[in-house]
Amino acid sequence: MYHSLHALERDGFVVREEHERAPRHVEYAMTPLGRGLLGSLDTVCAWTREHWDELLDAREAGLSRADVR
């Protein structure tokens, strides 16, 4: 998980805030740039829900082909 959050921070989609008080913890928040993606992500999620069975079938077919190699 660290790698993904680190990449999102590096690319300006989230900011990381480390709290030193006990218990020590880290919080992430979306930046305006990251929030700008929310509409597009909603569209992708809706498309994924609509095509979920097809996606699973395609993945299984791809895994089957990989097993043959």
C-alpha atoms as a PDB file:
ATOM      1  CA  MET A   1       0.000   0.000   0.000  1.00  0.00           C
ATOM      2  CA  TYR A   2       2.822   2.419   0.777  1.00  0.00           C
ATOM      3  CA  HIS A   3       4.092   2.274  -2.775  1.00  0.00           C
ATOM      4  CA  SER A   4       0.719   3.273  -4.244  1.00  0.00           C
ATOM      5  CA  LEU A   5       0.123   6.092  -1.768  1.00  0.00           C
ATOM      6  CA  HIS A   6       3.685   7.302  -2.251  1.00  0.00           C
ATOM      7  CA  ALA A   7       3.144   7.441  -6.022  1.00  0.00           C
ATOM      8  CA  LEU A   8      -0.136   9.336  -5.594  1.00  0.00           C
ATOM      9  CA  GLU A   9       1.636  11.810  -3.317  1.00  0.00           C
ATOM     10  CA  ARG A  10       4.555  12.166  -5.719  1.00  0.00           C
ATOM     11  CA  ASP A  11       2.174  12.882  -8.588  1.00  0.00           C
ATOM     12  CA  GLY A  12       0.213  15.502  -6.639  1.00  0.00           C
ATOM     13  CA  PHE A  13      -3.073  13.619  -6.163  1.00  0.00           C
ATOM     14  CA  VAL A  14      -2.830  13.369  -2.364  1.00  0.00           C
ATOM     15  CA  VAL A  15      -0.984  15.069   0.466  1.00  0.00           C
ATOM     16  CA  ARG A  16       0.428  13.191   3.432  1.00  0.00           C
ATOM     17  CA  GLU A  17       0.302  14.532   6.977  1.00  0.00           C
ATOM     18  CA  GLU A  18       2.212  12.723   9.709  1.00  0.00           C
ATOM     19  CA  HIS A  19       1.019  13.205  13.293  1.00  0.00           C
ATOM     20  CA  GLU A  20       3.644  12.672  15.976  1.00  0.00           C
ATOM     21  CA  ARG A  21       1.239  12.604  18.920  1.00  0.00           C
ATOM     22  CA  ALA A  22       0.384   9.278  20.496  1.00  0.00           C
ATOM     23  CA  PRO A  23      -0.667   7.159  18.873  1.00  0.00           C
ATOM     24  CA  ARG A  24       1.447   8.223  15.928  1.00  0.00           C
ATOM     25  CA  HIS A  25      -0.449   8.085  12.657  1.00  0.00           C
ATOM     26  CA  VAL A  26      -0.502   9.355   9.095  1.00  0.00           C
ATOM     27  CA  GLU A  27      -3.416  10.899   7.230  1.00  0.00           C
ATOM     28  CA  TYR A  28      -3.816  11.348   3.501  1.00  0.00           C
ATOM     29  CA  ALA A  29      -6.097  13.892   1.848  1.00  0.00           C
ATOM     30  CA  MET A  30      -6.925  14.466  -1.782  1.00  0.00           C
ATOM     31  CA  THR A  31      -5.591  17.605  -3.404  1.00  0.00           C
ATOM     32  CA  PRO A  32      -7.666  19.729  -5.770  1.00  0.00           C
ATOM     33  CA  LEU A  33      -5.906  17.887  -8.605  1.00  0.00           C
ATOM     34  CA  GLY A  34      -6.949  14.528  -7.136  1.00  0.00           C
ATOM     35  CA  ARG A  35     -10.515  15.692  -6.529  1.00  0.00           C
ATOM     36  CA  GLY A  36     -10.647  16.720 -10.187  1.00  0.00           C
ATOM     37  CA  LEU A  37     -10.509  13.015 -11.083  1.00  0.00           C
ATOM     38  CA  LEU A  38     -13.573  12.019  -9.069  1.00  0.00           C
ATOM     39  CA  GLY A  39     -16.053  12.510 -11.934  1.00  0.00           C
ATOM     40  CA  SER A  40     -13.917  10.458 -14.292  1.00  0.00           C
ATOM     41  CA  LEU A  41     -13.477   7.744 -11.674  1.00  0.00           C
ATOM     42  CA  ASP A  42     -17.255   7.597 -11.174  1.00  0.00           C
ATOM     43  CA  THR A  43     -17.620   7.016 -14.916  1.00  0.00           C
ATOM     44  CA  VAL A  44     -15.000   4.247 -14.887  1.00  0.00           C
ATOM     45  CA  CYS A  45     -16.658   2.592 -11.865  1.00  0.00           C
ATOM     46  CA  ALA A  46     -20.070   2.663 -13.569  1.00  0.00           C
ATOM     47  CA  TRP A  47     -18.567   1.142 -16.738  1.00  0.00           C
ATOM     48  CA  THR A  48     -16.853  -1.556 -14.664  1.00  0.00           C
ATOM     49  CA  ARG A  49     -20.109  -2.465 -12.888  1.00  0.00           C
ATOM     50  CA  GLU A  50     -21.864  -2.685 -16.258  1.00  0.00           C
ATOM     51  CA  HIS A  51     -19.192  -4.950 -17.770  1.00  0.00           C
ATOM     52  CA  TRP A  52     -18.124  -6.912 -14.676  1.00  0.00           C
ATOM     53  CA  ASP A  53     -19.064 -10.362 -15.995  1.00  0.00           C
ATOM     54  CA  GLU A  54     -17.312  -9.702 -19.310  1.00  0.00           C
ATOM     55  CA  LEU A  55     -14.191  -8.540 -17.481  1.00  0.00           C
ATOM     56  CA  LEU A  56     -14.120 -11.688 -15.356  1.00  0.00           C
ATOM     57  CA  ASP A  57     -14.601 -13.884 -18.435  1.00  0.00           C
ATOM     58  CA  ALA A  58     -11.765 -12.087 -20.232  1.00  0.00           C
ATOM     59  CA  ARG A  59      -9.464 -12.456 -17.226  1.00  0.00           C
ATOM     60  CA  GLU A  60     -10.214 -16.163 -16.909  1.00  0.00           C
ATOM     61  CA  ALA A  61      -9.608 -16.660 -20.643  1.00  0.00           C
ATOM     62  CA  GLY A  62      -6.306 -14.822 -20.362  1.00  0.00           C
ATOM     63  CA  LEU A  63      -5.241 -16.912 -17.393  1.00  0.00           C
ATOM     64  CA  SER A  64      -6.148 -20.095 -19.261  1.00  0.00           C
ATOM     65  CA  ARG A  65      -4.033 -19.037 -22.232  1.00  0.00           C
ATOM     66  CA  ALA A  66      -1.129 -18.242 -19.916  1.00  0.00           C
ATOM     67  CA  ASP A  67      -1.320 -21.744 -18.425  1.00  0.00           C
ATOM     68  CA  VAL A  68      -0.908 -23.271 -21.914  1.00  0.00           C
ATOM     69  CA  ARG A  69       2.357 -21.442 -22.550  1.00  0.00           C
END
